Amino acid sequence: MLAFIHTARVHVETFSRLVRAVDDAIPVRHEVQERLLADAVAAGGITDGVRSATAAVVEALAGDGARVIVCTCSTLGGVAEAVPVDGCVVMRIDRPMAEQAVASGRRIVVLAALQSTFQPTVALLHRTASDAERSIDVVETLCERAWRLFEAGDHPGYIGEIARTIETTALPSDLVLLAQASMAPAAELVRHLGIPVLSSPRSGVEAAVSRYRSTPAGGAPRARG
């Protein structure tokens, strides 16, 4: 089983579709835990309680036979990856995107609609750059109004606001990194800018499917921390 941990129900159909496009024979399970992100946002970051609750979700999925577990929330991805479970791989959805970003340019605009997303995303970028022996400059851009639209259920408005923010902040960067998986559709709206706009869902799913195929049931190496 390939399992996903989401903090918004809107991701279920998106990730189901992406997995089917790569390999429709893989059994998929979606675990939606909106409270995890809500608690982290309310606390201004990751607390011991959020860490413990995330670990409990990961451990339960591993106990139910998951071969690969993917956390699609950038705020919680590093927490999920660090849970010491045996017999399965635990991944964060944004790691492949970070690797692509570091390989593609030096000046990276990181766009997020939640302040809590910046610390784990930027830390991942810097660790990835260090591992690759590359130098990067990261510019954080918060699109606060977009998140209010997301919470109100106005997904088209949310994506439109993200796209407008990209248009006003992207240049003169080498690329834009969309820190939250929910932002991915905005990339199609700004293709005219002519710079890479990276998002995590597709590359993360492709990496997860690859790990699923290469991991025997009941035994797996840990994902990189």
N, C-alpha and C. Protein backbone atom coordinates (compact mmCIF):
# COMPACT_ATOMS: atom_id res chain seq x y z
N MET A 1 0.83 -1.20 0.00
CA MET A 1 0.00 0.00 0.00
C MET A 1 0.88 1.26 0.00
N LEU A 2 0.49 2.23 -0.81
CA LEU A 2 1.10 3.55 -0.82
C LEU A 2 0.14 4.48 -0.08
N ALA A 3 0.59 5.03 1.03
CA ALA A 3 -0.30 5.84 1.88
C ALA A 3 0.12 7.30 1.86
N PHE A 4 -0.88 8.17 1.88
CA PHE A 4 -0.65 9.61 1.93
C PHE A 4 -1.25 10.18 3.20
N ILE A 5 -0.52 11.10 3.82
CA ILE A 5 -1.04 11.88 4.94
C ILE A 5 -1.29 13.29 4.43
N HIS A 6 -2.54 13.72 4.45
CA HIS A 6 -2.92 15.06 4.00
C HIS A 6 -3.44 15.88 5.17
N THR A 7 -3.35 17.20 5.04
CA THR A 7 -3.98 18.08 6.03
C THR A 7 -5.12 18.88 5.41
N ALA A 8 -5.52 18.52 4.18
CA ALA A 8 -6.69 19.11 3.53
C ALA A 8 -7.31 18.05 2.63
N ARG A 9 -8.63 17.94 2.67
CA ARG A 9 -9.31 16.91 1.90
C ARG A 9 -9.20 17.14 0.40
N VAL A 10 -8.96 18.38 -0.01
CA VAL A 10 -8.86 18.69 -1.43
C VAL A 10 -7.74 17.90 -2.11
N HIS A 11 -6.77 17.43 -1.33
CA HIS A 11 -5.63 16.71 -1.91
C HIS A 11 -5.95 15.28 -2.30
N VAL A 12 -7.02 14.72 -1.79
CA VAL A 12 -7.29 13.30 -2.03
C VAL A 12 -7.44 13.01 -3.51
N GLU A 13 -8.29 13.76 -4.20
CA GLU A 13 -8.50 13.51 -5.62
C GLU A 13 -7.25 13.84 -6.43
N THR A 14 -6.57 14.92 -6.08
CA THR A 14 -5.35 15.31 -6.80
C THR A 14 -4.32 14.19 -6.78
N PHE A 15 -4.05 13.66 -5.61
CA PHE A 15 -3.00 12.64 -5.50
C PHE A 15 -3.47 11.28 -6.00
N SER A 16 -4.75 10.99 -5.88
CA SER A 16 -5.27 9.75 -6.48
C SER A 16 -5.06 9.79 -7.99
N ARG A 17 -5.37 10.92 -8.59
CA ARG A 17 -5.22 11.07 -10.04
C ARG A 17 -3.75 10.95 -10.47
N LEU A 18 -2.87 11.56 -9.72
CA LEU A 18 -1.45 11.51 -10.07
C LEU A 18 -0.90 10.09 -9.97
N VAL A 19 -1.29 9.36 -8.93
CA VAL A 19 -0.81 7.98 -8.80
C VAL A 19 -1.36 7.12 -9.94
N ARG A 20 -2.65 7.28 -10.25
CA ARG A 20 -3.24 6.49 -11.34
C ARG A 20 -2.53 6.75 -12.66
N ALA A 21 -2.09 7.99 -12.87
CA ALA A 21 -1.41 8.33 -14.12
C ALA A 21 -0.06 7.64 -14.25
N VAL A 22 0.56 7.33 -13.12
CA VAL A 22 1.87 6.68 -13.13
C VAL A 22 1.73 5.16 -13.08
N ASP A 23 0.86 4.67 -12.19
CA ASP A 23 0.68 3.22 -12.03
C ASP A 23 -0.66 2.98 -11.34
N ASP A 24 -1.66 2.60 -12.12
CA ASP A 24 -3.00 2.44 -11.54
C ASP A 24 -3.20 1.11 -10.82
N ALA A 25 -2.13 0.30 -10.73
CA ALA A 25 -2.23 -0.97 -10.02
C ALA A 25 -1.82 -0.87 -8.56
N ILE A 26 -1.27 0.26 -8.16
CA ILE A 26 -0.80 0.42 -6.79
C ILE A 26 -1.97 0.73 -5.86
N PRO A 27 -2.14 -0.04 -4.79
CA PRO A 27 -3.20 0.28 -3.82
C PRO A 27 -2.84 1.55 -3.05
N VAL A 28 -3.79 2.46 -2.95
CA VAL A 28 -3.54 3.77 -2.34
C VAL A 28 -4.50 4.00 -1.18
N ARG A 29 -3.98 4.60 -0.13
CA ARG A 29 -4.82 5.01 1.00
C ARG A 29 -4.53 6.47 1.33
N HIS A 30 -5.57 7.21 1.62
CA HIS A 30 -5.44 8.62 1.99
C HIS A 30 -5.90 8.82 3.43
N GLU A 31 -5.06 9.41 4.23
CA GLU A 31 -5.38 9.72 5.62
C GLU A 31 -5.42 11.24 5.75
N VAL A 32 -6.61 11.80 5.97
CA VAL A 32 -6.76 13.25 6.08
C VAL A 32 -6.78 13.64 7.55
N GLN A 33 -5.83 14.49 7.93
CA GLN A 33 -5.68 14.91 9.33
C GLN A 33 -5.56 16.44 9.37
N GLU A 34 -6.68 17.12 9.17
CA GLU A 34 -6.67 18.58 9.13
C GLU A 34 -6.21 19.20 10.45
N ARG A 35 -6.49 18.51 11.55
CA ARG A 35 -6.17 19.04 12.87
C ARG A 35 -4.67 19.23 13.07
N LEU A 36 -3.86 18.38 12.45
CA LEU A 36 -2.42 18.47 12.64
C LEU A 36 -1.89 19.83 12.20
N LEU A 37 -2.28 20.27 11.00
CA LEU A 37 -1.82 21.57 10.51
C LEU A 37 -2.47 22.70 11.30
N ALA A 38 -3.75 22.56 11.60
CA ALA A 38 -4.44 23.61 12.36
C ALA A 38 -3.76 23.84 13.71
N ASP A 39 -3.36 22.77 14.37
CA ASP A 39 -2.69 22.90 15.66
C ASP A 39 -1.31 23.55 15.51
N ALA A 40 -0.59 23.18 14.44
CA ALA A 40 0.73 23.78 14.20
C ALA A 40 0.61 25.27 13.91
N VAL A 41 -0.38 25.64 13.11
CA VAL A 41 -0.59 27.05 12.78
C VAL A 41 -0.98 27.83 14.03
N ALA A 42 -1.88 27.27 14.83
CA ALA A 42 -2.32 27.96 16.05
C ALA A 42 -1.17 28.17 17.03
N ALA A 43 -0.24 27.22 17.06
CA ALA A 43 0.89 27.30 17.99
C ALA A 43 2.06 28.09 17.41
N GLY A 44 1.99 28.44 16.15
CA GLY A 44 3.09 29.15 15.51
C GLY A 44 4.24 28.26 15.11
N GLY A 45 4.02 26.96 15.05
CA GLY A 45 5.07 26.02 14.65
C GLY A 45 4.81 24.64 15.22
N ILE A 46 5.80 23.78 15.08
CA ILE A 46 5.67 22.40 15.52
C ILE A 46 5.85 22.30 17.04
N THR A 47 4.86 21.75 17.71
CA THR A 47 4.93 21.53 19.15
C THR A 47 5.15 20.04 19.42
N ASP A 48 5.43 19.71 20.67
CA ASP A 48 5.57 18.30 21.03
C ASP A 48 4.27 17.55 20.76
N GLY A 49 3.14 18.21 20.99
CA GLY A 49 1.86 17.57 20.74
C GLY A 49 1.64 17.27 19.27
N VAL A 50 1.99 18.22 18.41
CA VAL A 50 1.87 18.00 16.96
C VAL A 50 2.81 16.90 16.52
N ARG A 51 4.01 16.91 17.07
CA ARG A 51 5.00 15.88 16.73
C ARG A 51 4.49 14.49 17.12
N SER A 52 3.94 14.38 18.32
CA SER A 52 3.43 13.09 18.79
C SER A 52 2.23 12.62 17.98
N ALA A 53 1.34 13.55 17.65
CA ALA A 53 0.15 13.19 16.87
C ALA A 53 0.53 12.76 15.46
N THR A 54 1.50 13.44 14.86
CA THR A 54 1.96 13.05 13.53
C THR A 54 2.59 11.67 13.57
N ALA A 55 3.41 11.43 14.59
CA ALA A 55 4.05 10.11 14.73
C ALA A 55 3.01 9.01 14.87
N ALA A 56 1.93 9.30 15.60
CA ALA A 56 0.88 8.29 15.78
C ALA A 56 0.22 7.92 14.46
N VAL A 57 0.02 8.92 13.60
CA VAL A 57 -0.59 8.65 12.28
C VAL A 57 0.36 7.81 11.43
N VAL A 58 1.63 8.18 11.41
CA VAL A 58 2.62 7.42 10.64
C VAL A 58 2.70 5.98 11.14
N GLU A 59 2.78 5.81 12.44
CA GLU A 59 2.89 4.47 13.02
C GLU A 59 1.66 3.62 12.72
N ALA A 60 0.48 4.24 12.74
CA ALA A 60 -0.74 3.50 12.44
C ALA A 60 -0.77 3.02 10.99
N LEU A 61 -0.35 3.88 10.07
CA LEU A 61 -0.31 3.50 8.66
C LEU A 61 0.71 2.40 8.42
N ALA A 62 1.87 2.52 9.06
CA ALA A 62 2.88 1.46 8.94
C ALA A 62 2.35 0.15 9.49
N GLY A 63 1.64 0.23 10.61
CA GLY A 63 1.06 -0.97 11.20
C GLY A 63 -0.01 -1.61 10.34
N ASP A 64 -0.66 -0.80 9.51
CA ASP A 64 -1.69 -1.31 8.61
C ASP A 64 -1.12 -1.85 7.30
N GLY A 65 0.21 -1.84 7.18
CA GLY A 65 0.83 -2.46 6.02
C GLY A 65 1.31 -1.53 4.92
N ALA A 66 1.40 -0.23 5.20
CA ALA A 66 1.91 0.69 4.19
C ALA A 66 3.36 0.36 3.85
N ARG A 67 3.66 0.33 2.56
CA ARG A 67 5.04 0.13 2.12
C ARG A 67 5.77 1.46 2.00
N VAL A 68 5.04 2.49 1.56
CA VAL A 68 5.57 3.86 1.47
C VAL A 68 4.51 4.80 2.03
N ILE A 69 4.94 5.74 2.87
CA ILE A 69 4.05 6.76 3.43
C ILE A 69 4.57 8.12 2.99
N VAL A 70 3.69 8.94 2.43
CA VAL A 70 4.07 10.26 1.94
C VAL A 70 3.26 11.32 2.67
N CYS A 71 3.95 12.26 3.30
CA CYS A 71 3.27 13.40 3.92
C CYS A 71 3.23 14.54 2.92
N THR A 72 2.03 14.99 2.56
CA THR A 72 1.89 16.03 1.53
C THR A 72 1.87 17.43 2.11
N CYS A 73 1.99 17.56 3.42
CA CYS A 73 2.00 18.87 4.08
C CYS A 73 3.44 19.30 4.31
N SER A 74 3.83 20.43 3.74
CA SER A 74 5.21 20.89 3.87
C SER A 74 5.55 21.25 5.31
N THR A 75 4.59 21.75 6.06
CA THR A 75 4.85 22.09 7.45
C THR A 75 5.21 20.86 8.27
N LEU A 76 4.57 19.73 7.97
CA LEU A 76 4.72 18.52 8.76
C LEU A 76 5.62 17.47 8.13
N GLY A 77 6.05 17.69 6.89
CA GLY A 77 6.79 16.65 6.18
C GLY A 77 8.04 16.18 6.88
N GLY A 78 8.83 17.11 7.40
CA GLY A 78 10.05 16.73 8.09
C GLY A 78 9.77 15.97 9.37
N VAL A 79 8.68 16.31 10.04
CA VAL A 79 8.28 15.61 11.26
C VAL A 79 7.92 14.17 10.93
N ALA A 80 7.14 13.99 9.87
CA ALA A 80 6.73 12.64 9.47
C ALA A 80 7.93 11.80 9.07
N GLU A 81 8.84 12.39 8.30
CA GLU A 81 10.02 11.66 7.83
C GLU A 81 10.89 11.17 8.98
N ALA A 82 10.86 11.89 10.08
CA ALA A 82 11.74 11.56 11.21
C ALA A 82 11.18 10.47 12.12
N VAL A 83 9.95 10.04 11.87
CA VAL A 83 9.35 9.01 12.74
C VAL A 83 10.05 7.68 12.51
N PRO A 84 10.59 7.05 13.54
CA PRO A 84 11.37 5.81 13.38
C PRO A 84 10.48 4.57 13.29
N VAL A 85 9.95 4.30 12.10
CA VAL A 85 9.15 3.09 11.90
C VAL A 85 9.94 2.08 11.07
N ASP A 86 9.72 0.82 11.31
CA ASP A 86 10.38 -0.24 10.56
C ASP A 86 9.43 -0.77 9.49
N GLY A 87 10.02 -1.23 8.39
CA GLY A 87 9.24 -1.93 7.39
C GLY A 87 8.62 -1.08 6.32
N CYS A 88 8.83 0.24 6.34
CA CYS A 88 8.30 1.08 5.27
C CYS A 88 9.14 2.34 5.13
N VAL A 89 9.00 2.99 3.99
CA VAL A 89 9.67 4.26 3.72
C VAL A 89 8.71 5.40 4.07
N VAL A 90 9.20 6.42 4.75
CA VAL A 90 8.40 7.61 5.03
C VAL A 90 9.05 8.78 4.30
N MET A 91 8.27 9.48 3.48
CA MET A 91 8.80 10.54 2.63
C MET A 91 8.01 11.84 2.83
N ARG A 92 8.66 12.95 2.56
CA ARG A 92 7.97 14.23 2.46
C ARG A 92 7.79 14.55 0.98
N ILE A 93 6.65 15.09 0.62
CA ILE A 93 6.31 15.29 -0.79
C ILE A 93 7.23 16.29 -1.48
N ASP A 94 7.83 17.21 -0.72
CA ASP A 94 8.56 18.30 -1.33
C ASP A 94 10.06 18.06 -1.51
N ARG A 95 10.57 16.90 -1.10
CA ARG A 95 12.01 16.68 -1.24
C ARG A 95 12.46 16.65 -2.71
N PRO A 96 11.78 15.91 -3.61
CA PRO A 96 12.21 15.94 -5.01
C PRO A 96 12.17 17.34 -5.61
N MET A 97 11.16 18.14 -5.24
CA MET A 97 11.08 19.51 -5.72
C MET A 97 12.27 20.33 -5.23
N ALA A 98 12.66 20.16 -3.98
CA ALA A 98 13.81 20.88 -3.44
C ALA A 98 15.09 20.50 -4.18
N GLU A 99 15.25 19.24 -4.47
CA GLU A 99 16.43 18.78 -5.21
C GLU A 99 16.46 19.40 -6.61
N GLN A 100 15.31 19.47 -7.26
CA GLN A 100 15.24 20.08 -8.58
C GLN A 100 15.54 21.57 -8.51
N ALA A 101 15.03 22.24 -7.47
CA ALA A 101 15.27 23.67 -7.32
C ALA A 101 16.75 23.99 -7.16
N VAL A 102 17.41 23.25 -6.29
CA VAL A 102 18.83 23.48 -6.04
C VAL A 102 19.66 23.22 -7.29
N ALA A 103 19.26 22.25 -8.08
CA ALA A 103 19.98 21.93 -9.31
C ALA A 103 19.71 22.95 -10.41
N SER A 104 18.64 23.75 -10.27
CA SER A 104 18.20 24.59 -11.38
C SER A 104 18.61 26.05 -11.27
N GLY A 105 18.93 26.53 -10.08
CA GLY A 105 19.26 27.94 -9.96
C GLY A 105 19.76 28.31 -8.59
N ARG A 106 20.28 29.54 -8.49
CA ARG A 106 20.83 30.02 -7.22
C ARG A 106 19.80 30.85 -6.43
N ARG A 107 19.14 31.78 -7.13
CA ARG A 107 18.19 32.68 -6.44
C ARG A 107 16.79 32.07 -6.54
N ILE A 108 16.26 31.64 -5.41
CA ILE A 108 15.00 30.91 -5.36
C ILE A 108 13.98 31.70 -4.55
N VAL A 109 12.87 32.03 -5.19
CA VAL A 109 11.75 32.63 -4.47
C VAL A 109 10.87 31.51 -3.94
N VAL A 110 10.69 31.46 -2.63
CA VAL A 110 9.81 30.47 -2.00
C VAL A 110 8.50 31.17 -1.66
N LEU A 111 7.43 30.69 -2.27
CA LEU A 111 6.12 31.29 -2.07
C LEU A 111 5.27 30.38 -1.18
N ALA A 112 4.70 30.94 -0.13
CA ALA A 112 3.84 30.18 0.77
C ALA A 112 2.66 31.04 1.19
N ALA A 113 1.56 30.37 1.49
CA ALA A 113 0.38 31.07 1.99
C ALA A 113 0.27 30.98 3.51
N LEU A 114 1.14 30.18 4.10
CA LEU A 114 1.19 30.01 5.55
C LEU A 114 2.60 30.28 6.05
N GLN A 115 2.72 31.13 7.07
CA GLN A 115 4.03 31.44 7.62
C GLN A 115 4.74 30.19 8.13
N SER A 116 3.97 29.25 8.68
CA SER A 116 4.57 28.04 9.27
C SER A 116 5.26 27.16 8.24
N THR A 117 4.98 27.39 6.97
CA THR A 117 5.58 26.57 5.91
C THR A 117 7.02 26.96 5.62
N PHE A 118 7.39 28.20 5.87
CA PHE A 118 8.71 28.67 5.46
C PHE A 118 9.85 27.93 6.14
N GLN A 119 9.81 27.81 7.46
CA GLN A 119 10.95 27.23 8.16
C GLN A 119 11.30 25.84 7.66
N PRO A 120 10.36 24.89 7.60
CA PRO A 120 10.74 23.56 7.13
C PRO A 120 11.14 23.53 5.66
N THR A 121 10.50 24.37 4.84
CA THR A 121 10.82 24.37 3.41
C THR A 121 12.20 24.96 3.16
N VAL A 122 12.48 26.10 3.77
CA VAL A 122 13.78 26.75 3.57
C VAL A 122 14.89 25.91 4.17
N ALA A 123 14.64 25.29 5.32
CA ALA A 123 15.65 24.41 5.91
C ALA A 123 15.96 23.24 4.99
N LEU A 124 14.93 22.67 4.37
CA LEU A 124 15.14 21.58 3.42
C LEU A 124 15.97 22.04 2.23
N LEU A 125 15.68 23.22 1.71
CA LEU A 125 16.46 23.75 0.58
C LEU A 125 17.93 23.90 0.95
N HIS A 126 18.20 24.47 2.12
CA HIS A 126 19.59 24.68 2.51
C HIS A 126 20.32 23.36 2.78
N ARG A 127 19.64 22.38 3.38
CA ARG A 127 20.27 21.07 3.56
C ARG A 127 20.56 20.41 2.21
N THR A 128 19.61 20.53 1.30
CA THR A 128 19.78 19.95 -0.03
C THR A 128 20.93 20.62 -0.76
N ALA A 129 21.03 21.94 -0.66
CA ALA A 129 22.12 22.67 -1.30
C ALA A 129 23.46 22.28 -0.69
N SER A 130 23.50 22.13 0.63
CA SER A 130 24.74 21.73 1.29
C SER A 130 25.18 20.35 0.84
N ASP A 131 24.23 19.42 0.75
CA ASP A 131 24.55 18.07 0.30
C ASP A 131 25.10 18.08 -1.13
N ALA A 132 24.58 18.99 -1.94
CA ALA A 132 25.00 19.08 -3.34
C ALA A 132 26.19 20.01 -3.54
N GLU A 133 26.67 20.60 -2.43
CA GLU A 133 27.79 21.55 -2.47
C GLU A 133 27.49 22.70 -3.43
N ARG A 134 26.29 23.26 -3.28
CA ARG A 134 25.86 24.39 -4.09
C ARG A 134 25.46 25.53 -3.17
N SER A 135 25.52 26.75 -3.70
CA SER A 135 25.15 27.94 -2.94
C SER A 135 23.81 28.46 -3.47
N ILE A 136 22.91 28.82 -2.56
CA ILE A 136 21.61 29.35 -2.96
C ILE A 136 21.27 30.59 -2.15
N ASP A 137 20.45 31.46 -2.73
CA ASP A 137 19.86 32.59 -2.03
C ASP A 137 18.35 32.40 -2.06
N VAL A 138 17.74 32.41 -0.90
CA VAL A 138 16.30 32.16 -0.79
C VAL A 138 15.58 33.44 -0.39
N VAL A 139 14.54 33.76 -1.14
CA VAL A 139 13.68 34.91 -0.84
C VAL A 139 12.30 34.38 -0.46
N GLU A 140 11.85 34.69 0.75
CA GLU A 140 10.55 34.22 1.21
C GLU A 140 9.46 35.23 0.85
N THR A 141 8.38 34.74 0.26
CA THR A 141 7.25 35.60 -0.10
C THR A 141 5.97 35.00 0.46
N LEU A 142 5.33 35.72 1.36
CA LEU A 142 4.10 35.25 1.99
C LEU A 142 2.89 35.81 1.26
N CYS A 143 1.98 34.93 0.89
CA CYS A 143 0.73 35.32 0.23
C CYS A 143 -0.42 35.05 1.20
N GLU A 144 -0.54 35.93 2.18
CA GLU A 144 -1.44 35.70 3.31
C GLU A 144 -2.91 35.71 2.88
N ARG A 145 -3.27 36.58 1.97
CA ARG A 145 -4.67 36.67 1.53
C ARG A 145 -5.11 35.36 0.87
N ALA A 146 -4.18 34.69 0.19
CA ALA A 146 -4.52 33.45 -0.50
C ALA A 146 -5.03 32.40 0.48
N TRP A 147 -4.42 32.31 1.65
CA TRP A 147 -4.84 31.27 2.60
C TRP A 147 -6.25 31.52 3.13
N ARG A 148 -6.61 32.78 3.29
CA ARG A 148 -7.98 33.08 3.71
C ARG A 148 -8.98 32.59 2.66
N LEU A 149 -8.63 32.73 1.40
CA LEU A 149 -9.49 32.23 0.32
C LEU A 149 -9.57 30.70 0.36
N PHE A 150 -8.43 30.05 0.62
CA PHE A 150 -8.40 28.59 0.70
C PHE A 150 -9.31 28.11 1.84
N GLU A 151 -9.18 28.74 2.99
CA GLU A 151 -9.98 28.34 4.14
C GLU A 151 -11.47 28.57 3.91
N ALA A 152 -11.80 29.56 3.07
CA ALA A 152 -13.19 29.85 2.76
C ALA A 152 -13.75 28.93 1.68
N GLY A 153 -12.91 28.05 1.14
CA GLY A 153 -13.36 27.12 0.11
C GLY A 153 -13.33 27.69 -1.29
N ASP A 154 -12.74 28.87 -1.45
CA ASP A 154 -12.65 29.51 -2.78
C ASP A 154 -11.35 29.09 -3.44
N HIS A 155 -11.33 27.87 -3.98
CA HIS A 155 -10.08 27.36 -4.55
C HIS A 155 -9.66 28.13 -5.80
N PRO A 156 -10.58 28.47 -6.74
CA PRO A 156 -10.16 29.29 -7.89
C PRO A 156 -9.58 30.63 -7.46
N GLY A 157 -10.21 31.26 -6.46
CA GLY A 157 -9.68 32.53 -5.97
C GLY A 157 -8.30 32.37 -5.34
N TYR A 158 -8.12 31.28 -4.61
CA TYR A 158 -6.83 30.96 -3.99
C TYR A 158 -5.74 30.83 -5.05
N ILE A 159 -6.01 30.05 -6.08
CA ILE A 159 -5.02 29.84 -7.13
C ILE A 159 -4.75 31.14 -7.89
N GLY A 160 -5.80 31.91 -8.14
CA GLY A 160 -5.61 33.19 -8.82
C GLY A 160 -4.75 34.15 -8.02
N GLU A 161 -4.94 34.18 -6.71
CA GLU A 161 -4.13 35.05 -5.86
C GLU A 161 -2.67 34.60 -5.85
N ILE A 162 -2.45 33.29 -5.82
CA ILE A 162 -1.08 32.77 -5.89
C ILE A 162 -0.42 33.20 -7.20
N ALA A 163 -1.15 33.05 -8.31
CA ALA A 163 -0.61 33.42 -9.62
C ALA A 163 -0.26 34.91 -9.67
N ARG A 164 -1.12 35.76 -9.12
CA ARG A 164 -0.84 37.20 -9.13
C ARG A 164 0.40 37.52 -8.29
N THR A 165 0.56 36.82 -7.20
CA THR A 165 1.75 37.05 -6.37
C THR A 165 3.01 36.61 -7.10
N ILE A 166 2.94 35.50 -7.81
CA ILE A 166 4.10 35.06 -8.60
C ILE A 166 4.46 36.12 -9.62
N GLU A 167 3.47 36.67 -10.29
CA GLU A 167 3.73 37.67 -11.33
C GLU A 167 4.41 38.92 -10.79
N THR A 168 4.14 39.27 -9.55
CA THR A 168 4.71 40.50 -8.99
C THR A 168 6.01 40.29 -8.24
N THR A 169 6.37 39.03 -7.95
CA THR A 169 7.57 38.78 -7.14
C THR A 169 8.60 37.88 -7.79
N ALA A 170 8.26 37.22 -8.89
CA ALA A 170 9.14 36.19 -9.44
C ALA A 170 10.45 36.73 -9.98
N LEU A 171 10.39 37.81 -10.73
CA LEU A 171 11.60 38.35 -11.35
C LEU A 171 12.30 39.27 -10.37
N PRO A 172 13.65 39.27 -10.34
CA PRO A 172 14.59 38.59 -11.26
C PRO A 172 15.14 37.27 -10.70
N SER A 173 14.33 36.45 -10.12
CA SER A 173 14.81 35.18 -9.58
C SER A 173 15.11 34.18 -10.69
N ASP A 174 15.81 33.10 -10.33
CA ASP A 174 16.05 32.02 -11.27
C ASP A 174 14.85 31.09 -11.36
N LEU A 175 14.12 30.97 -10.26
CA LEU A 175 12.94 30.10 -10.25
C LEU A 175 12.08 30.42 -9.05
N VAL A 176 10.84 29.95 -9.11
CA VAL A 176 9.90 30.09 -8.01
C VAL A 176 9.55 28.69 -7.51
N LEU A 177 9.56 28.53 -6.21
CA LEU A 177 9.19 27.26 -5.60
C LEU A 177 7.89 27.46 -4.83
N LEU A 178 6.86 26.70 -5.20
CA LEU A 178 5.57 26.77 -4.52
C LEU A 178 5.61 25.81 -3.34
N ALA A 179 5.66 26.37 -2.14
CA ALA A 179 5.97 25.57 -0.96
C ALA A 179 4.84 24.64 -0.54
N GLN A 180 3.61 24.93 -0.94
CA GLN A 180 2.47 24.10 -0.53
C GLN A 180 1.89 23.37 -1.74
N ALA A 181 1.59 22.09 -1.55
CA ALA A 181 1.10 21.27 -2.66
C ALA A 181 -0.15 21.84 -3.29
N SER A 182 -0.99 22.49 -2.49
CA SER A 182 -2.25 23.04 -3.00
C SER A 182 -2.04 24.16 -4.00
N MET A 183 -0.84 24.72 -4.07
CA MET A 183 -0.55 25.83 -4.98
C MET A 183 -0.27 25.39 -6.41
N ALA A 184 -0.07 24.11 -6.63
CA ALA A 184 0.44 23.61 -7.91
C ALA A 184 -0.29 24.13 -9.15
N PRO A 185 -1.63 24.23 -9.17
CA PRO A 185 -2.30 24.69 -10.39
C PRO A 185 -1.91 26.10 -10.82
N ALA A 186 -1.38 26.91 -9.91
CA ALA A 186 -1.00 28.28 -10.26
C ALA A 186 0.14 28.32 -11.27
N ALA A 187 0.95 27.27 -11.30
CA ALA A 187 2.09 27.25 -12.23
C ALA A 187 1.64 27.38 -13.67
N GLU A 188 0.50 26.78 -14.00
CA GLU A 188 0.00 26.84 -15.38
C GLU A 188 -0.45 28.24 -15.76
N LEU A 189 -0.80 29.05 -14.79
CA LEU A 189 -1.31 30.40 -15.08
C LEU A 189 -0.20 31.42 -15.31
N VAL A 190 1.05 31.04 -15.02
CA VAL A 190 2.15 32.01 -15.13
C VAL A 190 3.25 31.52 -16.07
N ARG A 191 2.90 30.62 -16.97
CA ARG A 191 3.90 30.10 -17.90
C ARG A 191 4.49 31.20 -18.77
N HIS A 192 3.72 32.27 -18.98
CA HIS A 192 4.18 33.38 -19.83
C HIS A 192 5.39 34.11 -19.23
N LEU A 193 5.66 33.91 -17.95
CA LEU A 193 6.79 34.59 -17.33
C LEU A 193 8.13 34.06 -17.84
N GLY A 194 8.13 32.81 -18.27
CA GLY A 194 9.35 32.23 -18.84
C GLY A 194 10.39 31.79 -17.83
N ILE A 195 10.01 31.65 -16.55
CA ILE A 195 10.94 31.11 -15.56
C ILE A 195 10.30 29.87 -14.93
N PRO A 196 11.12 28.94 -14.45
CA PRO A 196 10.56 27.72 -13.85
C PRO A 196 9.75 28.04 -12.59
N VAL A 197 8.58 27.44 -12.50
CA VAL A 197 7.75 27.51 -11.29
C VAL A 197 7.53 26.07 -10.85
N LEU A 198 8.18 25.69 -9.76
CA LEU A 198 8.19 24.30 -9.32
C LEU A 198 7.12 24.04 -8.26
N SER A 199 6.47 22.90 -8.37
CA SER A 199 5.52 22.46 -7.35
C SER A 199 5.80 21.01 -7.01
N SER A 200 5.26 20.56 -5.88
CA SER A 200 5.67 19.27 -5.35
C SER A 200 4.83 18.05 -5.76
N PRO A 201 3.55 18.17 -6.10
CA PRO A 201 2.75 16.94 -6.25
C PRO A 201 3.27 15.94 -7.26
N ARG A 202 3.51 16.36 -8.50
CA ARG A 202 3.87 15.39 -9.53
C ARG A 202 5.23 14.75 -9.26
N SER A 203 6.24 15.57 -8.99
CA SER A 203 7.58 15.00 -8.76
C SER A 203 7.59 14.15 -7.49
N GLY A 204 6.83 14.56 -6.48
CA GLY A 204 6.77 13.77 -5.25
C GLY A 204 6.10 12.43 -5.45
N VAL A 205 5.03 12.40 -6.23
CA VAL A 205 4.35 11.14 -6.52
C VAL A 205 5.24 10.22 -7.35
N GLU A 206 5.91 10.77 -8.34
CA GLU A 206 6.80 9.94 -9.15
C GLU A 206 7.89 9.31 -8.29
N ALA A 207 8.45 10.08 -7.36
CA ALA A 207 9.47 9.54 -6.46
C ALA A 207 8.88 8.49 -5.53
N ALA A 208 7.66 8.72 -5.05
CA ALA A 208 7.02 7.76 -4.15
C ALA A 208 6.72 6.45 -4.85
N VAL A 209 6.24 6.53 -6.08
CA VAL A 209 5.95 5.31 -6.85
C VAL A 209 7.24 4.55 -7.11
N SER A 210 8.32 5.27 -7.42
CA SER A 210 9.61 4.62 -7.64
C SER A 210 10.07 3.89 -6.39
N ARG A 211 9.93 4.53 -5.22
CA ARG A 211 10.31 3.88 -3.97
C ARG A 211 9.41 2.69 -3.68
N TYR A 212 8.12 2.81 -3.99
CA TYR A 212 7.19 1.70 -3.77
C TYR A 212 7.61 0.49 -4.59
N ARG A 213 7.95 0.73 -5.84
CA ARG A 213 8.33 -0.38 -6.72
C ARG A 213 9.62 -1.04 -6.28
N SER A 214 10.52 -0.27 -5.68
CA SER A 214 11.84 -0.81 -5.32
C SER A 214 11.91 -1.32 -3.88
N THR A 215 10.82 -1.15 -3.14
CA THR A 215 10.81 -1.55 -1.74
C THR A 215 10.00 -2.83 -1.56
N PRO A 216 10.63 -3.90 -1.09
CA PRO A 216 9.87 -5.13 -0.85
C PRO A 216 8.88 -4.95 0.29
N ALA A 217 7.75 -5.59 0.19
CA ALA A 217 6.76 -5.51 1.27
C ALA A 217 7.36 -6.05 2.56
N GLY A 218 7.19 -5.27 3.62
CA GLY A 218 7.66 -5.73 4.93
C GLY A 218 9.09 -5.39 5.25
N GLY A 219 9.79 -4.68 4.34
CA GLY A 219 11.16 -4.31 4.66
C GLY A 219 11.62 -3.17 3.81
N ALA A 220 12.09 -2.09 4.44
CA ALA A 220 12.46 -0.91 3.67
C ALA A 220 13.53 -0.12 4.38
N PRO A 221 14.44 0.50 3.61
CA PRO A 221 15.38 1.44 4.21
C PRO A 221 14.67 2.73 4.55
N ARG A 222 15.19 3.47 5.50
CA ARG A 222 14.60 4.76 5.85
C ARG A 222 14.87 5.78 4.77
N ALA A 223 13.90 6.69 4.55
CA ALA A 223 14.14 7.83 3.67
C ALA A 223 15.17 8.74 4.33
N ARG A 224 15.85 9.56 3.53
CA ARG A 224 16.85 10.47 4.07
C ARG A 224 16.19 11.53 4.93
N GLY A 225 16.85 11.87 6.03
CA GLY A 225 16.31 12.89 6.91
C GLY A 225 16.86 14.26 6.58
